[in-house]
Full PDB file with SEQRES, HELIX, SHEET, SSBOND, CRYST1, ORIGX, SCALE, CONECT and MASTER records, all heavy atoms in Angstrom:
SEQRES   1 A   39  GLU MET ARG PHE VAL HIS GLU PRO LEU THR ILE LYS GLN          
SEQRES   2 A   39  GLY ASP VAL VAL LYS PHE VAL VAL THR ASN ARG GLY THR          
SEQRES   3 A   39  MET PRO HIS GLU PHE SER VAL GLY ASP SER PRO SER GLN          
CRYST1    1.000    1.000    1.000  90.00  90.00  90.00 P 1           1          
ORIGX1      1.000000  0.000000  0.000000        0.00000                         
ORIGX2      0.000000  1.000000  0.000000        0.00000                         
ORIGX3      0.000000  0.000000  1.000000        0.00000                         
SCALE1      1.000000  0.000000  0.000000        0.00000                         
SCALE2      0.000000  1.000000  0.000000        0.00000                         
SCALE3      0.000000  0.000000  1.000000        0.00000                         
ATOM      1  N   GLU A   1      -3.609  36.629 -14.597  1.00  0.00           N  
ATOM      2  CA  GLU A   1      -3.939  35.480 -13.824  1.00  0.00           C  
ATOM      3  C   GLU A   1      -3.791  35.733 -12.323  1.00  0.00           C  
ATOM      4  O   GLU A   1      -2.940  36.630 -11.913  1.00  0.00           O  
ATOM      5  CB  GLU A   1      -3.097  34.292 -14.103  1.00  0.00           C  
ATOM      6  CG  GLU A   1      -3.300  33.527 -15.392  1.00  0.00           C  
ATOM      7  CD  GLU A   1      -2.473  32.321 -15.447  1.00  0.00           C  
ATOM      8  OE1 GLU A   1      -2.595  31.449 -14.607  1.00  0.00           O  
ATOM      9  OE2 GLU A   1      -1.679  32.216 -16.439  1.00  0.00           O  
ATOM     10  N   MET A   2      -4.662  35.206 -11.533  1.00  0.00           N  
ATOM     11  CA  MET A   2      -4.511  35.379 -10.040  1.00  0.00           C  
ATOM     12  C   MET A   2      -4.482  33.875  -9.553  1.00  0.00           C  
ATOM     13  O   MET A   2      -5.344  33.111  -9.901  1.00  0.00           O  
ATOM     14  CB  MET A   2      -5.726  36.024  -9.465  1.00  0.00           C  
ATOM     15  CG  MET A   2      -5.763  37.553  -9.867  1.00  0.00           C  
ATOM     16  SD  MET A   2      -7.210  38.318  -9.157  1.00  0.00           S  
ATOM     17  CE  MET A   2      -8.492  37.742 -10.095  1.00  0.00           C  
ATOM     18  N   ARG A   3      -3.434  33.670  -8.676  1.00  0.00           N  
ATOM     19  CA  ARG A   3      -3.297  32.271  -8.283  1.00  0.00           C  
ATOM     20  C   ARG A   3      -2.492  32.246  -6.948  1.00  0.00           C  
ATOM     21  O   ARG A   3      -1.841  33.212  -6.675  1.00  0.00           O  
ATOM     22  CB  ARG A   3      -2.724  31.381  -9.324  1.00  0.00           C  
ATOM     23  CG  ARG A   3      -1.388  31.718  -9.697  1.00  0.00           C  
ATOM     24  CD  ARG A   3      -0.836  30.912 -10.937  1.00  0.00           C  
ATOM     25  NE  ARG A   3       0.532  31.027 -11.214  1.00  0.00           N  
ATOM     26  CZ  ARG A   3       1.119  31.998 -11.739  1.00  0.00           C  
ATOM     27  NH1 ARG A   3       0.401  33.114 -12.027  1.00  0.00           N  
ATOM     28  NH2 ARG A   3       2.425  32.108 -11.959  1.00  0.00           N  
ATOM     29  N   PHE A   4      -2.542  31.082  -6.285  1.00  0.00           N  
ATOM     30  CA  PHE A   4      -1.611  30.762  -5.170  1.00  0.00           C  
ATOM     31  C   PHE A   4      -0.523  29.908  -5.689  1.00  0.00           C  
ATOM     32  O   PHE A   4      -0.768  28.937  -6.496  1.00  0.00           O  
ATOM     33  CB  PHE A   4      -2.375  30.149  -4.062  1.00  0.00           C  
ATOM     34  CG  PHE A   4      -3.271  31.045  -3.314  1.00  0.00           C  
ATOM     35  CD1 PHE A   4      -4.661  30.648  -3.317  1.00  0.00           C  
ATOM     36  CD2 PHE A   4      -2.913  32.181  -2.680  1.00  0.00           C  
ATOM     37  CE1 PHE A   4      -5.592  31.548  -2.636  1.00  0.00           C  
ATOM     38  CE2 PHE A   4      -3.802  32.995  -2.084  1.00  0.00           C  
ATOM     39  CZ  PHE A   4      -5.145  32.689  -2.038  1.00  0.00           C  
ATOM     40  N   VAL A   5       0.762  30.145  -5.353  1.00  0.00           N  
ATOM     41  CA  VAL A   5       1.851  29.294  -5.801  1.00  0.00           C  
ATOM     42  C   VAL A   5       2.449  28.690  -4.464  1.00  0.00           C  
ATOM     43  O   VAL A   5       2.731  29.464  -3.548  1.00  0.00           O  
ATOM     44  CB  VAL A   5       2.882  30.210  -6.498  1.00  0.00           C  
ATOM     45  CG1 VAL A   5       4.131  29.269  -6.860  1.00  0.00           C  
ATOM     46  CG2 VAL A   5       2.322  30.823  -7.773  1.00  0.00           C  
ATOM     47  N   HIS A   6       2.639  27.356  -4.512  1.00  0.00           N  
ATOM     48  CA  HIS A   6       3.130  26.677  -3.309  1.00  0.00           C  
ATOM     49  C   HIS A   6       3.579  25.223  -3.778  1.00  0.00           C  
ATOM     50  O   HIS A   6       3.253  24.831  -4.965  1.00  0.00           O  
ATOM     51  CB  HIS A   6       2.153  26.602  -2.158  1.00  0.00           C  
ATOM     52  CG  HIS A   6       0.786  26.068  -2.655  1.00  0.00           C  
ATOM     53  ND1 HIS A   6       0.553  24.777  -2.956  1.00  0.00           N  
ATOM     54  CD2 HIS A   6      -0.378  26.753  -2.956  1.00  0.00           C  
ATOM     55  CE1 HIS A   6      -0.689  24.639  -3.340  1.00  0.00           C  
ATOM     56  NE2 HIS A   6      -1.268  25.805  -3.335  1.00  0.00           N  
ATOM     57  N   GLU A   7       4.303  24.584  -2.909  1.00  0.00           N  
ATOM     58  CA  GLU A   7       4.690  23.139  -3.207  1.00  0.00           C  
ATOM     59  C   GLU A   7       3.497  22.368  -3.225  1.00  0.00           C  
ATOM     60  O   GLU A   7       2.400  22.776  -2.611  1.00  0.00           O  
ATOM     61  CB  GLU A   7       5.680  22.737  -2.087  1.00  0.00           C  
ATOM     62  CG  GLU A   7       6.982  23.414  -2.124  1.00  0.00           C  
ATOM     63  CD  GLU A   7       7.884  23.116  -3.424  1.00  0.00           C  
ATOM     64  OE1 GLU A   7       7.815  22.045  -3.960  1.00  0.00           O  
ATOM     65  OE2 GLU A   7       8.413  24.171  -4.002  1.00  0.00           O  
ATOM     66  N   PRO A   8       3.434  21.184  -3.855  1.00  0.00           N  
ATOM     67  CA  PRO A   8       2.284  20.299  -3.781  1.00  0.00           C  
ATOM     68  C   PRO A   8       1.933  19.967  -2.367  1.00  0.00           C  
ATOM     69  O   PRO A   8       2.794  19.859  -1.479  1.00  0.00           O  
ATOM     70  CB  PRO A   8       2.739  19.008  -4.526  1.00  0.00           C  
ATOM     71  CG  PRO A   8       3.892  19.515  -5.445  1.00  0.00           C  
ATOM     72  CD  PRO A   8       4.502  20.592  -4.653  1.00  0.00           C  
ATOM     73  N   LEU A   9       0.644  20.066  -2.087  1.00  0.00           N  
ATOM     74  CA  LEU A   9       0.114  19.828  -0.696  1.00  0.00           C  
ATOM     75  C   LEU A   9      -0.477  18.540  -0.388  1.00  0.00           C  
ATOM     76  O   LEU A   9      -1.130  17.974  -1.217  1.00  0.00           O  
ATOM     77  CB  LEU A   9      -0.956  20.893  -0.339  1.00  0.00           C  
ATOM     78  CG  LEU A   9      -0.552  22.310  -0.241  1.00  0.00           C  
ATOM     79  CD1 LEU A   9      -1.714  23.265  -0.062  1.00  0.00           C  
ATOM     80  CD2 LEU A   9       0.448  22.520   0.776  1.00  0.00           C  
ATOM     81  N   THR A  10      -0.194  18.016   0.773  1.00  0.00           N  
ATOM     82  CA  THR A  10      -0.862  16.888   1.310  1.00  0.00           C  
ATOM     83  C   THR A  10      -1.220  17.214   2.698  1.00  0.00           C  
ATOM     84  O   THR A  10      -0.383  17.634   3.538  1.00  0.00           O  
ATOM     85  CB  THR A  10       0.046  15.618   1.335  1.00  0.00           C  
ATOM     86  OG1 THR A  10       0.988  15.623   0.274  1.00  0.00           O  
ATOM     87  CG2 THR A  10      -0.693  14.352   1.386  1.00  0.00           C  
ATOM     88  N   ILE A  11      -2.495  17.095   3.024  1.00  0.00           N  
ATOM     89  CA  ILE A  11      -2.992  17.373   4.420  1.00  0.00           C  
ATOM     90  C   ILE A  11      -3.792  16.247   4.934  1.00  0.00           C  
ATOM     91  O   ILE A  11      -4.644  15.621   4.115  1.00  0.00           O  
ATOM     92  CB  ILE A  11      -3.816  18.715   4.450  1.00  0.00           C  
ATOM     93  CG1 ILE A  11      -2.952  19.888   4.044  1.00  0.00           C  
ATOM     94  CG2 ILE A  11      -4.423  18.951   5.892  1.00  0.00           C  
ATOM     95  CD1 ILE A  11      -3.801  21.176   3.821  1.00  0.00           C  
ATOM     96  N   LYS A  12      -3.580  15.800   6.068  1.00  0.00           N  
ATOM     97  CA  LYS A  12      -4.374  14.696   6.668  1.00  0.00           C  
ATOM     98  C   LYS A  12      -5.048  15.141   7.946  1.00  0.00           C  
ATOM     99  O   LYS A  12      -4.608  16.168   8.586  1.00  0.00           O  
ATOM    100  CB  LYS A  12      -3.519  13.553   6.923  1.00  0.00           C  
ATOM    101  CG  LYS A  12      -2.423  13.645   7.966  1.00  0.00           C  
ATOM    102  CD  LYS A  12      -1.630  12.320   8.076  1.00  0.00           C  
ATOM    103  CE  LYS A  12      -0.626  12.441   9.157  1.00  0.00           C  
ATOM    104  NZ  LYS A  12       0.721  12.744   8.865  1.00  0.00           N  
ATOM    105  N   GLN A  13      -6.081  14.544   8.260  1.00  0.00           N  
ATOM    106  CA  GLN A  13      -6.884  14.871   9.465  1.00  0.00           C  
ATOM    107  C   GLN A  13      -5.904  14.796  10.643  1.00  0.00           C  
ATOM    108  O   GLN A  13      -5.173  13.829  10.864  1.00  0.00           O  
ATOM    109  CB  GLN A  13      -8.144  13.980   9.692  1.00  0.00           C  
ATOM    110  CG  GLN A  13      -9.027  14.468  10.812  1.00  0.00           C  
ATOM    111  CD  GLN A  13     -10.291  13.621  10.861  1.00  0.00           C  
ATOM    112  OE1 GLN A  13     -10.660  13.009   9.933  1.00  0.00           O  
ATOM    113  NE2 GLN A  13     -10.867  13.779  12.006  1.00  0.00           N  
ATOM    114  N   GLY A  14      -5.882  15.843  11.429  1.00  0.00           N  
ATOM    115  CA  GLY A  14      -5.042  15.899  12.635  1.00  0.00           C  
ATOM    116  C   GLY A  14      -3.862  16.865  12.444  1.00  0.00           C  
ATOM    117  O   GLY A  14      -3.178  17.290  13.387  1.00  0.00           O  
ATOM    118  N   ASP A  15      -3.516  17.177  11.164  1.00  0.00           N  
ATOM    119  CA  ASP A  15      -2.418  18.084  10.851  1.00  0.00           C  
ATOM    120  C   ASP A  15      -2.789  19.437  11.378  1.00  0.00           C  
ATOM    121  O   ASP A  15      -3.954  19.892  11.318  1.00  0.00           O  
ATOM    122  CB  ASP A  15      -2.160  18.266   9.295  1.00  0.00           C  
ATOM    123  CG  ASP A  15      -1.249  17.099   8.686  1.00  0.00           C  
ATOM    124  OD1 ASP A  15      -0.713  16.304   9.604  1.00  0.00           O  
ATOM    125  OD2 ASP A  15      -1.230  16.999   7.551  1.00  0.00           O  
ATOM    126  N   VAL A  16      -1.775  20.206  11.964  1.00  0.00           N  
ATOM    127  CA  VAL A  16      -1.918  21.536  12.248  1.00  0.00           C  
ATOM    128  C   VAL A  16      -0.936  22.256  11.381  1.00  0.00           C  
ATOM    129  O   VAL A  16       0.303  22.122  11.469  1.00  0.00           O  
ATOM    130  CB  VAL A  16      -1.538  21.838  13.850  1.00  0.00           C  
ATOM    131  CG1 VAL A  16      -1.625  23.331  14.093  1.00  0.00           C  
ATOM    132  CG2 VAL A  16      -2.495  20.992  14.675  1.00  0.00           C  
ATOM    133  N   VAL A  17      -1.475  23.059  10.469  1.00  0.00           N  
ATOM    134  CA  VAL A  17      -0.635  23.661   9.331  1.00  0.00           C  
ATOM    135  C   VAL A  17      -0.480  25.127   9.573  1.00  0.00           C  
ATOM    136  O   VAL A  17      -1.421  25.897   9.787  1.00  0.00           O  
ATOM    137  CB  VAL A  17      -1.252  23.385   7.966  1.00  0.00           C  
ATOM    138  CG1 VAL A  17      -0.447  23.975   6.884  1.00  0.00           C  
ATOM    139  CG2 VAL A  17      -1.471  21.898   7.740  1.00  0.00           C  
ATOM    140  N   LYS A  18       0.748  25.625   9.506  1.00  0.00           N  
ATOM    141  CA  LYS A  18       1.002  27.043   9.553  1.00  0.00           C  
ATOM    142  C   LYS A  18       1.227  27.466   8.006  1.00  0.00           C  
ATOM    143  O   LYS A  18       2.144  27.068   7.384  1.00  0.00           O  
ATOM    144  CB  LYS A  18       2.245  27.340  10.340  1.00  0.00           C  
ATOM    145  CG  LYS A  18       2.643  28.803  10.224  1.00  0.00           C  
ATOM    146  CD  LYS A  18       3.664  29.235  11.307  1.00  0.00           C  
ATOM    147  CE  LYS A  18       4.994  28.755  11.039  1.00  0.00           C  
ATOM    148  NZ  LYS A  18       5.989  29.329  11.917  1.00  0.00           N  
ATOM    149  N   PHE A  19       0.386  28.250   7.535  1.00  0.00           N  
ATOM    150  CA  PHE A  19       0.456  28.869   6.177  1.00  0.00           C  
ATOM    151  C   PHE A  19       1.125  30.171   6.385  1.00  0.00           C  
ATOM    152  O   PHE A  19       0.658  31.063   7.066  1.00  0.00           O  
ATOM    153  CB  PHE A  19      -0.892  29.053   5.600  1.00  0.00           C  
ATOM    154  CG  PHE A  19      -1.677  27.740   5.337  1.00  0.00           C  
ATOM    155  CD1 PHE A  19      -2.659  27.274   6.250  1.00  0.00           C  
ATOM    156  CD2 PHE A  19      -1.382  26.920   4.263  1.00  0.00           C  
ATOM    157  CE1 PHE A  19      -3.336  26.136   6.106  1.00  0.00           C  
ATOM    158  CE2 PHE A  19      -2.143  25.816   4.032  1.00  0.00           C  
ATOM    159  CZ  PHE A  19      -3.080  25.369   4.902  1.00  0.00           C  
ATOM    160  N   VAL A  20       2.351  30.342   5.670  1.00  0.00           N  
ATOM    161  CA  VAL A  20       3.004  31.579   5.670  1.00  0.00           C  
ATOM    162  C   VAL A  20       2.700  32.168   4.242  1.00  0.00           C  
ATOM    163  O   VAL A  20       3.311  31.700   3.251  1.00  0.00           O  
ATOM    164  CB  VAL A  20       4.535  31.402   5.932  1.00  0.00           C  
ATOM    165  CG1 VAL A  20       5.179  32.771   5.853  1.00  0.00           C  
ATOM    166  CG2 VAL A  20       4.732  30.694   7.335  1.00  0.00           C  
ATOM    167  N   VAL A  21       1.985  33.198   4.189  1.00  0.00           N  
ATOM    168  CA  VAL A  21       1.511  33.703   2.931  1.00  0.00           C  
ATOM    169  C   VAL A  21       2.121  35.080   2.584  1.00  0.00           C  
ATOM    170  O   VAL A  21       2.031  36.007   3.468  1.00  0.00           O  
ATOM    171  CB  VAL A  21      -0.054  33.809   2.973  1.00  0.00           C  
ATOM    172  CG1 VAL A  21      -0.588  34.216   1.518  1.00  0.00           C  
ATOM    173  CG2 VAL A  21      -0.693  32.524   3.401  1.00  0.00           C  
ATOM    174  N   THR A  22       2.713  35.236   1.444  1.00  0.00           N  
ATOM    175  CA  THR A  22       3.246  36.517   0.979  1.00  0.00           C  
ATOM    176  C   THR A  22       2.440  36.936  -0.252  1.00  0.00           C  
ATOM    177  O   THR A  22       2.335  36.241  -1.195  1.00  0.00           O  
ATOM    178  CB  THR A  22       4.763  36.312   0.662  1.00  0.00           C  
ATOM    179  OG1 THR A  22       5.450  35.979   1.822  1.00  0.00           O  
ATOM    180  CG2 THR A  22       5.328  37.701   0.170  1.00  0.00           C  
ATOM    181  N   ASN A  23       1.991  38.157  -0.228  1.00  0.00           N  
ATOM    182  CA  ASN A  23       1.377  38.732  -1.422  1.00  0.00           C  
ATOM    183  C   ASN A  23       2.419  39.372  -2.353  1.00  0.00           C  
ATOM    184  O   ASN A  23       2.917  40.455  -2.062  1.00  0.00           O  
ATOM    185  CB  ASN A  23       0.345  39.845  -0.962  1.00  0.00           C  
ATOM    186  CG  ASN A  23      -0.457  40.429  -2.212  1.00  0.00           C  
ATOM    187  OD1 ASN A  23      -0.200  40.129  -3.353  1.00  0.00           O  
ATOM    188  ND2 ASN A  23      -1.449  41.227  -1.891  1.00  0.00           N  
ATOM    189  N   ARG A  24       2.743  38.648  -3.379  1.00  0.00           N  
ATOM    190  CA  ARG A  24       3.737  39.185  -4.342  1.00  0.00           C  
ATOM    191  C   ARG A  24       3.010  39.782  -5.594  1.00  0.00           C  
ATOM    192  O   ARG A  24       3.640  40.181  -6.510  1.00  0.00           O  
ATOM    193  CB  ARG A  24       4.537  37.974  -4.868  1.00  0.00           C  
ATOM    194  CG  ARG A  24       5.296  37.215  -3.723  1.00  0.00           C  
ATOM    195  CD  ARG A  24       6.556  36.573  -4.179  1.00  0.00           C  
ATOM    196  NE  ARG A  24       7.118  35.840  -3.135  1.00  0.00           N  
ATOM    197  CZ  ARG A  24       7.927  36.274  -2.146  1.00  0.00           C  
ATOM    198  NH1 ARG A  24       8.225  37.583  -2.129  1.00  0.00           N  
ATOM    199  NH2 ARG A  24       8.419  35.531  -1.176  1.00  0.00           N  
ATOM    200  N   GLY A  25       1.762  40.071  -5.402  1.00  0.00           N  
ATOM    201  CA  GLY A  25       0.939  40.760  -6.420  1.00  0.00           C  
ATOM    202  C   GLY A  25       1.028  42.229  -6.286  1.00  0.00           C  
ATOM    203  O   GLY A  25       1.700  42.786  -5.442  1.00  0.00           O  
ATOM    204  N   THR A  26       0.144  42.871  -7.195  1.00  0.00           N  
ATOM    205  CA  THR A  26       0.015  44.310  -7.263  1.00  0.00           C  
ATOM    206  C   THR A  26      -1.274  44.874  -6.548  1.00  0.00           C  
ATOM    207  O   THR A  26      -1.453  46.078  -6.440  1.00  0.00           O  
ATOM    208  CB  THR A  26       0.086  44.777  -8.592  1.00  0.00           C  
ATOM    209  OG1 THR A  26      -0.915  44.221  -9.361  1.00  0.00           O  
ATOM    210  CG2 THR A  26       1.486  44.451  -9.223  1.00  0.00           C  
ATOM    211  N   MET A  27      -2.100  43.930  -6.104  1.00  0.00           N  
ATOM    212  CA  MET A  27      -3.374  44.331  -5.447  1.00  0.00           C  
ATOM    213  C   MET A  27      -3.534  43.539  -4.203  1.00  0.00           C  
ATOM    214  O   MET A  27      -2.901  42.518  -3.971  1.00  0.00           O  
ATOM    215  CB  MET A  27      -4.582  44.042  -6.425  1.00  0.00           C  
ATOM    216  CG  MET A  27      -4.724  42.522  -6.830  1.00  0.00           C  
ATOM    217  SD  MET A  27      -5.974  42.197  -7.982  1.00  0.00           S  
ATOM    218  CE  MET A  27      -5.186  42.732  -9.536  1.00  0.00           C  
ATOM    219  N   PRO A  28      -4.474  44.005  -3.380  1.00  0.00           N  
ATOM    220  CA  PRO A  28      -4.719  43.213  -2.086  1.00  0.00           C  
ATOM    221  C   PRO A  28      -5.259  41.860  -2.447  1.00  0.00           C  
ATOM    222  O   PRO A  28      -5.982  41.655  -3.426  1.00  0.00           O  
ATOM    223  CB  PRO A  28      -5.804  44.061  -1.297  1.00  0.00           C  
ATOM    224  CG  PRO A  28      -5.669  45.419  -1.912  1.00  0.00           C  
ATOM    225  CD  PRO A  28      -5.210  45.224  -3.349  1.00  0.00           C  
ATOM    226  N   HIS A  29      -4.914  40.783  -1.635  1.00  0.00           N  
ATOM    227  CA  HIS A  29      -5.457  39.506  -1.753  1.00  0.00           C  
ATOM    228  C   HIS A  29      -5.817  38.999  -0.390  1.00  0.00           C  
ATOM    229  O   HIS A  29      -5.364  39.622   0.707  1.00  0.00           O  
ATOM    230  CB  HIS A  29      -4.390  38.479  -2.346  1.00  0.00           C  
ATOM    231  CG  HIS A  29      -4.195  38.788  -3.804  1.00  0.00           C  
ATOM    232  ND1 HIS A  29      -5.162  38.535  -4.760  1.00  0.00           N  
ATOM    233  CD2 HIS A  29      -3.115  39.253  -4.463  1.00  0.00           C  
ATOM    234  CE1 HIS A  29      -4.676  38.918  -5.953  1.00  0.00           C  
ATOM    235  NE2 HIS A  29      -3.442  39.333  -5.743  1.00  0.00           N  
ATOM    236  N   GLU A  30      -6.573  37.939  -0.345  1.00  0.00           N  
ATOM    237  CA  GLU A  30      -6.987  37.309   0.865  1.00  0.00           C  
ATOM    238  C   GLU A  30      -6.645  35.838   0.788  1.00  0.00           C  
ATOM    239  O   GLU A  30      -6.540  35.247  -0.326  1.00  0.00           O  
ATOM    240  CB  GLU A  30      -8.519  37.412   1.063  1.00  0.00           C  
ATOM    241  CG  GLU A  30      -9.062  36.736   2.305  1.00  0.00           C  
ATOM    242  CD  GLU A  30     -10.671  36.866   2.396  1.00  0.00           C  
ATOM    243  OE1 GLU A  30     -11.068  37.869   2.700  1.00  0.00           O  
ATOM    244  OE2 GLU A  30     -11.189  35.847   1.932  1.00  0.00           O  
ATOM    245  N   PHE A  31      -6.267  35.251   1.915  1.00  0.00           N  
ATOM    246  CA  PHE A  31      -6.065  33.818   1.977  1.00  0.00           C  
ATOM    247  C   PHE A  31      -6.961  33.223   3.070  1.00  0.00           C  
ATOM    248  O   PHE A  31      -6.934  33.653   4.159  1.00  0.00           O  
ATOM    249  CB  PHE A  31      -4.566  33.585   2.313  1.00  0.00           C  
ATOM    250  CG  PHE A  31      -4.226  32.152   2.478  1.00  0.00           C  
ATOM    251  CD1 PHE A  31      -3.886  31.400   1.405  1.00  0.00           C  
ATOM    252  CD2 PHE A  31      -4.315  31.431   3.739  1.00  0.00           C  
ATOM    253  CE1 PHE A  31      -3.451  30.058   1.461  1.00  0.00           C  
ATOM    254  CE2 PHE A  31      -3.956  30.070   3.776  1.00  0.00           C  
ATOM    255  CZ  PHE A  31      -3.571  29.384   2.670  1.00  0.00           C  
ATOM    256  N   SER A  32      -7.860  32.387   2.570  1.00  0.00           N  
ATOM    257  CA  SER A  32      -8.764  31.789   3.484  1.00  0.00           C  
ATOM    258  C   SER A  32      -8.752  30.282   3.372  1.00  0.00           C  
ATOM    259  O   SER A  32      -8.526  29.795   2.330  1.00  0.00           O  
ATOM    260  CB  SER A  32     -10.194  32.377   3.321  1.00  0.00           C  
ATOM    261  OG  SER A  32     -10.742  31.942   2.166  1.00  0.00           O  
ATOM    262  N   VAL A  33      -9.002  29.557   4.447  1.00  0.00           N  
ATOM    263  CA  VAL A  33      -9.007  28.094   4.480  1.00  0.00           C  
ATOM    264  C   VAL A  33     -10.418  27.718   4.819  1.00  0.00           C  
ATOM    265  O   VAL A  33     -11.106  28.303   5.639  1.00  0.00           O  
ATOM    266  CB  VAL A  33      -7.970  27.606   5.450  1.00  0.00           C  
ATOM    267  CG1 VAL A  33      -8.298  27.937   6.904  1.00  0.00           C  
ATOM    268  CG2 VAL A  33      -7.873  26.080   5.403  1.00  0.00           C  
ATOM    269  N   GLY A  34     -10.904  26.620   4.151  1.00  0.00           N  
ATOM    270  CA  GLY A  34     -12.190  26.082   4.422  1.00  0.00           C  
ATOM    271  C   GLY A  34     -12.363  24.794   3.626  1.00  0.00           C  
ATOM    272  O   GLY A  34     -11.506  24.329   2.932  1.00  0.00           O  
ATOM    273  N   ASP A  35     -13.594  24.234   3.781  1.00  0.00           N  
ATOM    274  CA  ASP A  35     -14.004  23.059   2.942  1.00  0.00           C  
ATOM    275  C   ASP A  35     -14.736  23.651   1.757  1.00  0.00           C  
ATOM    276  O   ASP A  35     -15.102  24.834   1.784  1.00  0.00           O  
ATOM    277  CB  ASP A  35     -14.688  22.052   3.734  1.00  0.00           C  
ATOM    278  CG  ASP A  35     -15.979  22.562   4.363  1.00  0.00           C  
ATOM    279  OD1 ASP A  35     -16.422  23.743   4.098  1.00  0.00           O  
ATOM    280  OD2 ASP A  35     -16.599  21.789   5.105  1.00  0.00           O  
ATOM    281  N   SER A  36     -15.027  22.779   0.847  1.00  0.00           N  
ATOM    282  CA  SER A  36     -15.739  23.244  -0.358  1.00  0.00           C  
ATOM    283  C   SER A  36     -17.097  23.957  -0.118  1.00  0.00           C  
ATOM    284  O   SER A  36     -17.271  25.021  -0.664  1.00  0.00           O  
ATOM    285  CB  SER A  36     -15.892  22.020  -1.376  1.00  0.00           C  
ATOM    286  OG  SER A  36     -14.676  21.473  -1.794  1.00  0.00           O  
ATOM    287  N   PRO A  37     -17.912  23.349   0.691  1.00  0.00           N  
ATOM    288  CA  PRO A  37     -19.201  24.070   0.918  1.00  0.00           C  
ATOM    289  C   PRO A  37     -18.994  25.516   1.570  1.00  0.00           C  
ATOM    290  O   PRO A  37     -19.685  26.407   1.165  1.00  0.00           O  
ATOM    291  CB  PRO A  37     -19.922  23.184   1.861  1.00  0.00           C  
ATOM    292  CG  PRO A  37     -19.372  21.793   1.622  1.00  0.00           C  
ATOM    293  CD  PRO A  37     -17.931  22.004   1.284  1.00  0.00           C  
ATOM    294  N   SER A  38     -18.065  25.538   2.485  1.00  0.00           N  
ATOM    295  CA  SER A  38     -17.915  26.902   3.199  1.00  0.00           C  
ATOM    296  C   SER A  38     -17.327  27.864   2.296  1.00  0.00           C  
ATOM    297  O   SER A  38     -17.731  29.048   2.344  1.00  0.00           O  
ATOM    298  CB  SER A  38     -17.034  26.689   4.515  1.00  0.00           C  
ATOM    299  OG  SER A  38     -15.796  26.428   4.122  1.00  0.00           O  
ATOM    300  N   GLN A  39     -16.432  27.492   1.387  1.00  0.00           N  
ATOM    301  CA  GLN A  39     -15.860  28.440   0.519  1.00  0.00           C  
ATOM    302  C   GLN A  39     -16.827  28.893  -0.601  1.00  0.00           C  
ATOM    303  O   GLN A  39     -16.861  30.084  -0.925  1.00  0.00           O  
ATOM    304  CB  GLN A  39     -14.483  27.893  -0.141  1.00  0.00           C  
ATOM    305  CG  GLN A  39     -13.403  27.678   0.821  1.00  0.00           C  
ATOM    306  CD  GLN A  39     -12.740  29.015   1.197  1.00  0.00           C  
ATOM    307  OE1 GLN A  39     -13.351  30.094   1.254  1.00  0.00           O  
ATOM    308  NE2 GLN A  39     -11.513  28.815   1.630  1.00  0.00           N  
TER     309      GLN A  39                                                      
MASTER        0    0    0    0    0    0    0    6  308    1    0    3          
END                                                                             
C-alpha cells in the first residue's frame, strides 16, 4: 500500500496551511496539493 497518514483534516477558504511531510517509505514520493480537476 501507498498512502498519506495524517490527522483528520479540515480546511476552509482563507486557511494558510503548512504541510510538514516526511517520507517514511522505501521509495521516493511526491506530495502535491491541488483541486480535483488539477490533480
